[in-house]
Amino acid sequence: MASSLICGDVQSRVSSVLNRDVKQFGKKHMFDSNEETCWNSDQGEHQWVILEFPQSVKISELKVQFQGGFSAKTCRLEGFSKHGDFTEIARFYPEDDNSPQSFPIQEAPVADKVKIFFENSADFFGRIIIYSLDVLGDKAS
């Protein structure tokens, strides 16, 4: 059964942080299980999150909670293995609201790193706000 792949050993990077204020809006807030904190990107198109896992994984589901008005409209999940470049795994289309959303991933390849690419935003300035992000799946053997 799939379980959360987010752990202390997962390295994360983001495209930007609002006003470079990582203490208040940094990437760590997507994973802290606190509904009062969030990652808030700066303005601009093409925001993204990269997650690098300590070992190869097979993703089965992506869970995300945006702030309504600051959600992505079109998203792309890309995977990277040690043997190649980023390849598209799936596209998904979140609702523009505050509710937790789940996106099943069908037949994902084994990956060591994933990039969640927010192609556009409901916000006029291109900002993305995420309260929680989780990746479910299994460790590859």
N, C-alpha and C. Protein backbone atom coordinates (compact mmCIF):
# COMPACT_ATOMS: atom_id res chain seq x y z
N MET A 1 0.83 -1.18 0.00
CA MET A 1 0.00 0.00 0.00
C MET A 1 0.88 1.25 0.00
N ALA A 2 0.47 2.23 -0.76
CA ALA A 2 1.25 3.46 -0.89
C ALA A 2 1.24 4.25 0.42
N SER A 3 2.36 4.89 0.71
CA SER A 3 2.46 5.73 1.90
C SER A 3 3.19 7.01 1.51
N SER A 4 3.23 7.96 2.44
CA SER A 4 3.88 9.23 2.16
C SER A 4 5.37 9.02 1.91
N LEU A 5 5.87 9.65 0.88
CA LEU A 5 7.30 9.57 0.55
C LEU A 5 8.06 10.77 1.11
N ILE A 6 7.34 11.69 1.73
CA ILE A 6 7.96 12.88 2.31
C ILE A 6 8.52 12.52 3.68
N CYS A 7 9.83 12.70 3.83
CA CYS A 7 10.49 12.42 5.11
C CYS A 7 11.61 13.44 5.29
N GLY A 8 12.28 13.38 6.41
CA GLY A 8 13.35 14.33 6.70
C GLY A 8 14.50 14.29 5.73
N ASP A 9 14.67 13.17 5.01
CA ASP A 9 15.77 13.03 4.07
C ASP A 9 15.45 13.54 2.67
N VAL A 10 14.21 13.96 2.44
CA VAL A 10 13.83 14.49 1.13
C VAL A 10 14.34 15.92 1.02
N GLN A 11 15.07 16.19 -0.05
CA GLN A 11 15.57 17.54 -0.32
C GLN A 11 14.54 18.25 -1.20
N SER A 12 14.23 19.50 -0.87
CA SER A 12 13.27 20.24 -1.68
C SER A 12 13.84 21.58 -2.11
N ARG A 13 13.38 22.03 -3.28
CA ARG A 13 13.73 23.35 -3.81
C ARG A 13 12.47 23.95 -4.40
N VAL A 14 12.39 25.27 -4.37
CA VAL A 14 11.25 25.96 -4.97
C VAL A 14 11.75 27.06 -5.90
N SER A 15 10.89 27.46 -6.80
CA SER A 15 11.26 28.48 -7.79
C SER A 15 11.48 29.84 -7.16
N SER A 16 10.69 30.18 -6.14
CA SER A 16 10.81 31.49 -5.51
C SER A 16 10.05 31.50 -4.18
N VAL A 17 10.30 32.52 -3.37
CA VAL A 17 9.59 32.73 -2.11
C VAL A 17 9.22 34.21 -2.05
N LEU A 18 7.98 34.49 -1.67
CA LEU A 18 7.48 35.86 -1.63
C LEU A 18 8.43 36.76 -0.84
N ASN A 19 8.92 37.81 -1.49
CA ASN A 19 9.83 38.79 -0.89
C ASN A 19 11.06 38.14 -0.24
N ARG A 20 11.40 36.93 -0.67
CA ARG A 20 12.54 36.16 -0.13
C ARG A 20 12.43 35.95 1.39
N ASP A 21 11.21 35.98 1.89
CA ASP A 21 10.94 35.82 3.33
C ASP A 21 10.74 34.33 3.64
N VAL A 22 11.85 33.58 3.69
CA VAL A 22 11.76 32.13 3.89
C VAL A 22 11.26 31.77 5.29
N LYS A 23 11.48 32.65 6.25
CA LYS A 23 11.01 32.37 7.62
C LYS A 23 9.48 32.31 7.67
N GLN A 24 8.83 33.22 6.97
CA GLN A 24 7.37 33.27 7.00
C GLN A 24 6.72 32.46 5.88
N PHE A 25 7.35 32.40 4.69
CA PHE A 25 6.71 31.80 3.51
C PHE A 25 7.54 30.70 2.85
N GLY A 26 8.53 30.15 3.53
CA GLY A 26 9.45 29.19 2.93
C GLY A 26 8.85 27.84 2.61
N LYS A 27 9.60 27.06 1.86
CA LYS A 27 9.18 25.75 1.38
C LYS A 27 8.87 24.77 2.50
N LYS A 28 9.53 24.90 3.64
CA LYS A 28 9.33 23.96 4.75
C LYS A 28 7.88 23.95 5.24
N HIS A 29 7.17 25.04 5.00
CA HIS A 29 5.79 25.15 5.49
C HIS A 29 4.82 24.25 4.72
N MET A 30 5.22 23.75 3.56
CA MET A 30 4.35 22.82 2.83
C MET A 30 4.30 21.46 3.52
N PHE A 31 5.30 21.17 4.35
CA PHE A 31 5.45 19.83 4.92
C PHE A 31 5.33 19.81 6.44
N ASP A 32 4.96 20.93 7.07
CA ASP A 32 4.97 20.99 8.53
C ASP A 32 3.65 20.61 9.20
N SER A 33 2.64 20.22 8.43
CA SER A 33 1.33 19.79 8.95
C SER A 33 0.65 20.87 9.78
N ASN A 34 0.98 22.11 9.54
CA ASN A 34 0.36 23.23 10.23
C ASN A 34 -0.51 23.98 9.23
N GLU A 35 -1.81 23.99 9.46
CA GLU A 35 -2.72 24.63 8.50
C GLU A 35 -2.64 26.16 8.52
N GLU A 36 -1.85 26.71 9.40
CA GLU A 36 -1.68 28.17 9.49
C GLU A 36 -0.49 28.67 8.67
N THR A 37 0.37 27.76 8.20
CA THR A 37 1.57 28.16 7.47
C THR A 37 1.51 27.67 6.03
N CYS A 38 2.28 28.32 5.16
CA CYS A 38 2.24 27.95 3.74
C CYS A 38 3.53 28.38 3.04
N TRP A 39 3.75 27.76 1.86
CA TRP A 39 4.75 28.28 0.94
C TRP A 39 4.03 29.27 0.04
N ASN A 40 4.61 30.43 -0.11
CA ASN A 40 4.04 31.47 -0.96
C ASN A 40 5.12 31.85 -1.97
N SER A 41 4.86 31.59 -3.23
CA SER A 41 5.85 31.95 -4.25
C SER A 41 5.82 33.45 -4.47
N ASP A 42 6.85 33.95 -5.08
CA ASP A 42 6.85 35.33 -5.53
C ASP A 42 6.04 35.38 -6.82
N GLN A 43 5.88 36.56 -7.37
CA GLN A 43 5.11 36.66 -8.61
C GLN A 43 5.93 36.17 -9.80
N GLY A 44 5.23 35.83 -10.85
CA GLY A 44 5.88 35.37 -12.08
C GLY A 44 5.33 34.02 -12.51
N GLU A 45 5.32 33.82 -13.80
CA GLU A 45 4.83 32.55 -14.34
C GLU A 45 5.82 31.43 -14.08
N HIS A 46 5.33 30.22 -14.22
CA HIS A 46 6.16 29.02 -14.18
C HIS A 46 6.83 28.78 -12.83
N GLN A 47 6.05 28.74 -11.78
CA GLN A 47 6.56 28.39 -10.46
C GLN A 47 6.71 26.86 -10.40
N TRP A 48 7.57 26.36 -9.51
CA TRP A 48 7.79 24.92 -9.42
C TRP A 48 8.30 24.52 -8.04
N VAL A 49 8.17 23.21 -7.77
CA VAL A 49 8.73 22.57 -6.58
C VAL A 49 9.49 21.34 -7.06
N ILE A 50 10.71 21.16 -6.58
CA ILE A 50 11.49 19.95 -6.88
C ILE A 50 11.69 19.18 -5.58
N LEU A 51 11.45 17.87 -5.64
CA LEU A 51 11.67 16.99 -4.49
C LEU A 51 12.66 15.92 -4.91
N GLU A 52 13.73 15.79 -4.12
CA GLU A 52 14.74 14.76 -4.39
C GLU A 52 14.70 13.75 -3.27
N PHE A 53 14.43 12.50 -3.61
CA PHE A 53 14.25 11.43 -2.63
C PHE A 53 15.57 10.73 -2.33
N PRO A 54 15.73 10.20 -1.12
CA PRO A 54 16.98 9.52 -0.76
C PRO A 54 17.18 8.21 -1.52
N GLN A 55 16.10 7.67 -2.06
CA GLN A 55 16.20 6.46 -2.90
C GLN A 55 15.12 6.52 -3.95
N SER A 56 15.21 5.68 -4.96
CA SER A 56 14.25 5.67 -6.05
C SER A 56 12.85 5.34 -5.55
N VAL A 57 11.85 6.01 -6.15
CA VAL A 57 10.46 5.83 -5.73
C VAL A 57 9.56 5.65 -6.94
N LYS A 58 8.38 5.12 -6.68
CA LYS A 58 7.34 5.00 -7.70
C LYS A 58 6.12 5.73 -7.14
N ILE A 59 5.77 6.83 -7.74
CA ILE A 59 4.69 7.70 -7.24
C ILE A 59 3.33 7.18 -7.70
N SER A 60 2.37 7.19 -6.76
CA SER A 60 1.02 6.76 -7.11
C SER A 60 -0.03 7.85 -6.91
N GLU A 61 0.32 8.89 -6.14
CA GLU A 61 -0.67 9.94 -5.87
C GLU A 61 0.03 11.21 -5.41
N LEU A 62 -0.54 12.33 -5.77
CA LEU A 62 -0.06 13.63 -5.34
C LEU A 62 -1.21 14.32 -4.61
N LYS A 63 -0.92 14.86 -3.42
CA LYS A 63 -1.93 15.58 -2.64
C LYS A 63 -1.44 17.00 -2.41
N VAL A 64 -2.33 17.95 -2.64
CA VAL A 64 -1.94 19.35 -2.50
C VAL A 64 -3.13 20.17 -2.00
N GLN A 65 -2.83 21.17 -1.19
CA GLN A 65 -3.86 22.10 -0.75
C GLN A 65 -3.37 23.51 -1.04
N PHE A 66 -4.04 24.16 -2.00
CA PHE A 66 -3.73 25.53 -2.38
C PHE A 66 -4.58 26.50 -1.55
N GLN A 67 -4.24 27.77 -1.63
CA GLN A 67 -5.15 28.81 -1.16
C GLN A 67 -5.97 29.24 -2.36
N GLY A 68 -7.30 29.27 -2.20
CA GLY A 68 -8.16 29.71 -3.28
C GLY A 68 -7.74 31.09 -3.78
N GLY A 69 -7.74 31.26 -5.09
CA GLY A 69 -7.29 32.51 -5.70
C GLY A 69 -5.80 32.49 -6.03
N PHE A 70 -5.07 31.54 -5.45
CA PHE A 70 -3.63 31.42 -5.66
C PHE A 70 -3.25 29.99 -6.04
N SER A 71 -4.17 29.30 -6.65
CA SER A 71 -3.90 27.92 -7.05
C SER A 71 -3.38 27.90 -8.48
N ALA A 72 -2.77 26.79 -8.82
CA ALA A 72 -2.36 26.58 -10.21
C ALA A 72 -3.58 26.10 -10.98
N LYS A 73 -3.64 26.46 -12.26
CA LYS A 73 -4.74 25.98 -13.10
C LYS A 73 -4.32 24.73 -13.88
N THR A 74 -3.06 24.70 -14.28
CA THR A 74 -2.52 23.56 -15.02
C THR A 74 -1.19 23.19 -14.38
N CYS A 75 -1.02 21.90 -14.08
CA CYS A 75 0.22 21.42 -13.45
C CYS A 75 0.78 20.25 -14.24
N ARG A 76 2.09 20.11 -14.16
CA ARG A 76 2.78 19.00 -14.83
C ARG A 76 3.71 18.37 -13.81
N LEU A 77 3.66 17.06 -13.70
CA LEU A 77 4.57 16.31 -12.84
C LEU A 77 5.61 15.66 -13.74
N GLU A 78 6.87 15.94 -13.44
CA GLU A 78 7.97 15.36 -14.20
C GLU A 78 8.83 14.53 -13.27
N GLY A 79 9.39 13.47 -13.80
CA GLY A 79 10.27 12.61 -13.02
C GLY A 79 11.67 12.60 -13.61
N PHE A 80 12.64 12.33 -12.75
CA PHE A 80 14.02 12.27 -13.18
C PHE A 80 14.66 11.05 -12.55
N SER A 81 15.28 10.23 -13.36
CA SER A 81 16.05 9.11 -12.82
C SER A 81 17.52 9.43 -13.01
N LYS A 82 18.36 8.71 -12.34
CA LYS A 82 19.80 8.94 -12.44
C LYS A 82 20.32 8.67 -13.85
N HIS A 83 19.49 8.03 -14.67
CA HIS A 83 19.93 7.61 -16.00
C HIS A 83 19.41 8.49 -17.12
N GLY A 84 18.71 9.59 -16.81
CA GLY A 84 18.14 10.38 -17.91
C GLY A 84 17.71 11.76 -17.47
N ASP A 85 16.98 12.43 -18.35
CA ASP A 85 16.49 13.77 -18.10
C ASP A 85 15.09 13.71 -17.50
N PHE A 86 14.55 14.90 -17.19
CA PHE A 86 13.18 14.97 -16.72
C PHE A 86 12.25 14.48 -17.82
N THR A 87 11.28 13.65 -17.46
CA THR A 87 10.27 13.20 -18.40
C THR A 87 8.90 13.44 -17.78
N GLU A 88 7.95 13.81 -18.60
CA GLU A 88 6.61 14.08 -18.10
C GLU A 88 5.95 12.79 -17.62
N ILE A 89 5.42 12.83 -16.40
CA ILE A 89 4.70 11.70 -15.83
C ILE A 89 3.21 11.89 -15.96
N ALA A 90 2.72 13.10 -15.62
CA ALA A 90 1.28 13.36 -15.65
C ALA A 90 1.01 14.85 -15.71
N ARG A 91 -0.19 15.17 -16.16
CA ARG A 91 -0.72 16.53 -16.08
C ARG A 91 -1.96 16.47 -15.21
N PHE A 92 -2.18 17.53 -14.44
CA PHE A 92 -3.40 17.58 -13.63
C PHE A 92 -3.87 19.02 -13.54
N TYR A 93 -5.16 19.15 -13.21
CA TYR A 93 -5.83 20.44 -13.29
C TYR A 93 -6.58 20.70 -11.98
N PRO A 94 -5.94 21.37 -11.03
CA PRO A 94 -6.56 21.61 -9.72
C PRO A 94 -7.76 22.56 -9.81
N GLU A 95 -8.64 22.42 -8.83
CA GLU A 95 -9.73 23.37 -8.65
C GLU A 95 -9.15 24.59 -7.94
N ASP A 96 -9.75 25.74 -8.17
CA ASP A 96 -9.28 26.97 -7.53
C ASP A 96 -10.05 27.18 -6.23
N ASP A 97 -9.67 26.41 -5.21
CA ASP A 97 -10.30 26.55 -3.90
C ASP A 97 -9.35 26.12 -2.80
N ASN A 98 -9.83 26.16 -1.55
CA ASN A 98 -8.98 25.87 -0.39
C ASN A 98 -8.96 24.40 0.02
N SER A 99 -9.74 23.57 -0.62
CA SER A 99 -9.86 22.19 -0.17
C SER A 99 -8.65 21.34 -0.57
N PRO A 100 -8.31 20.35 0.26
CA PRO A 100 -7.25 19.40 -0.12
C PRO A 100 -7.67 18.65 -1.39
N GLN A 101 -6.75 18.50 -2.31
CA GLN A 101 -7.05 17.83 -3.58
C GLN A 101 -6.08 16.67 -3.78
N SER A 102 -6.57 15.64 -4.43
CA SER A 102 -5.79 14.44 -4.65
C SER A 102 -5.77 14.11 -6.13
N PHE A 103 -4.60 13.74 -6.64
CA PHE A 103 -4.44 13.42 -8.05
C PHE A 103 -3.73 12.08 -8.19
N PRO A 104 -4.49 11.03 -8.55
CA PRO A 104 -3.87 9.72 -8.76
C PRO A 104 -2.92 9.77 -9.96
N ILE A 105 -1.81 9.08 -9.85
CA ILE A 105 -0.82 9.03 -10.92
C ILE A 105 -0.79 7.59 -11.44
N GLN A 106 -1.09 7.43 -12.70
CA GLN A 106 -1.15 6.10 -13.30
C GLN A 106 0.20 5.73 -13.92
N GLU A 107 0.69 4.57 -13.60
CA GLU A 107 1.86 3.98 -14.25
C GLU A 107 3.08 4.91 -14.28
N ALA A 108 3.40 5.50 -13.15
CA ALA A 108 4.57 6.38 -13.09
C ALA A 108 5.85 5.56 -13.15
N PRO A 109 6.84 6.05 -13.85
CA PRO A 109 8.13 5.35 -13.87
C PRO A 109 8.86 5.55 -12.54
N VAL A 110 9.86 4.75 -12.30
CA VAL A 110 10.69 4.92 -11.11
C VAL A 110 11.47 6.23 -11.26
N ALA A 111 11.52 7.01 -10.18
CA ALA A 111 12.19 8.31 -10.22
C ALA A 111 12.99 8.54 -8.94
N ASP A 112 14.05 9.31 -9.06
CA ASP A 112 14.85 9.72 -7.91
C ASP A 112 14.52 11.15 -7.50
N LYS A 113 13.93 11.89 -8.43
CA LYS A 113 13.62 13.30 -8.23
C LYS A 113 12.36 13.62 -9.03
N VAL A 114 11.49 14.48 -8.48
CA VAL A 114 10.32 14.93 -9.23
C VAL A 114 10.25 16.45 -9.22
N LYS A 115 9.66 16.96 -10.26
CA LYS A 115 9.42 18.40 -10.37
C LYS A 115 7.93 18.60 -10.61
N ILE A 116 7.31 19.39 -9.75
CA ILE A 116 5.92 19.75 -9.93
C ILE A 116 5.93 21.17 -10.50
N PHE A 117 5.50 21.28 -11.72
CA PHE A 117 5.60 22.52 -12.48
C PHE A 117 4.22 23.14 -12.56
N PHE A 118 4.05 24.34 -12.02
CA PHE A 118 2.77 25.05 -12.03
C PHE A 118 2.79 25.98 -13.24
N GLU A 119 2.16 25.53 -14.33
CA GLU A 119 2.27 26.23 -15.60
C GLU A 119 1.60 27.59 -15.60
N ASN A 120 0.56 27.75 -14.82
CA ASN A 120 -0.10 29.04 -14.72
C ASN A 120 -0.86 29.10 -13.40
N SER A 121 -1.29 30.29 -13.03
CA SER A 121 -1.89 30.50 -11.72
C SER A 121 -3.23 31.20 -11.87
N ALA A 122 -4.12 30.98 -10.91
CA ALA A 122 -5.38 31.71 -10.86
C ALA A 122 -5.12 33.17 -10.49
N ASP A 123 -3.99 33.44 -9.88
CA ASP A 123 -3.61 34.80 -9.48
C ASP A 123 -3.09 35.58 -10.68
N PHE A 124 -3.51 36.80 -10.83
CA PHE A 124 -3.11 37.65 -11.95
C PHE A 124 -1.59 37.82 -12.03
N PHE A 125 -0.92 37.83 -10.87
CA PHE A 125 0.53 38.03 -10.84
C PHE A 125 1.33 36.73 -10.89
N GLY A 126 0.65 35.59 -10.95
CA GLY A 126 1.34 34.31 -11.08
C GLY A 126 1.79 33.68 -9.78
N ARG A 127 1.33 34.22 -8.64
CA ARG A 127 1.74 33.65 -7.35
C ARG A 127 1.00 32.34 -7.08
N ILE A 128 1.69 31.43 -6.39
CA ILE A 128 1.13 30.15 -5.95
C ILE A 128 1.26 30.09 -4.44
N ILE A 129 0.20 29.66 -3.75
CA ILE A 129 0.26 29.47 -2.30
C ILE A 129 -0.18 28.04 -2.01
N ILE A 130 0.70 27.28 -1.33
CA ILE A 130 0.42 25.89 -0.98
C ILE A 130 0.54 25.71 0.52
N TYR A 131 -0.55 25.21 1.13
CA TYR A 131 -0.56 24.93 2.57
C TYR A 131 0.00 23.55 2.89
N SER A 132 -0.27 22.59 2.02
CA SER A 132 0.29 21.26 2.24
C SER A 132 0.52 20.56 0.91
N LEU A 133 1.59 19.76 0.90
CA LEU A 133 1.96 18.98 -0.27
C LEU A 133 2.44 17.63 0.21
N ASP A 134 1.92 16.56 -0.39
CA ASP A 134 2.36 15.23 -0.05
C ASP A 134 2.44 14.39 -1.32
N VAL A 135 3.40 13.52 -1.35
CA VAL A 135 3.59 12.60 -2.47
C VAL A 135 3.48 11.19 -1.91
N LEU A 136 2.55 10.41 -2.45
CA LEU A 136 2.36 9.03 -2.00
C LEU A 136 2.92 8.07 -3.04
N GLY A 137 3.38 6.95 -2.56
CA GLY A 137 3.92 5.94 -3.44
C GLY A 137 4.69 4.89 -2.66
N ASP A 138 5.57 4.21 -3.35
CA ASP A 138 6.38 3.15 -2.75
C ASP A 138 7.84 3.35 -3.11
N LYS A 139 8.70 2.90 -2.22
CA LYS A 139 10.13 2.90 -2.53
C LYS A 139 10.38 1.80 -3.54
N ALA A 140 11.20 2.11 -4.52
CA ALA A 140 11.52 1.13 -5.55
C ALA A 140 12.54 0.13 -5.00
N SER A 141 12.39 -1.11 -5.40
CA SER A 141 13.33 -2.12 -4.90
C SER A 141 14.47 -2.35 -5.86
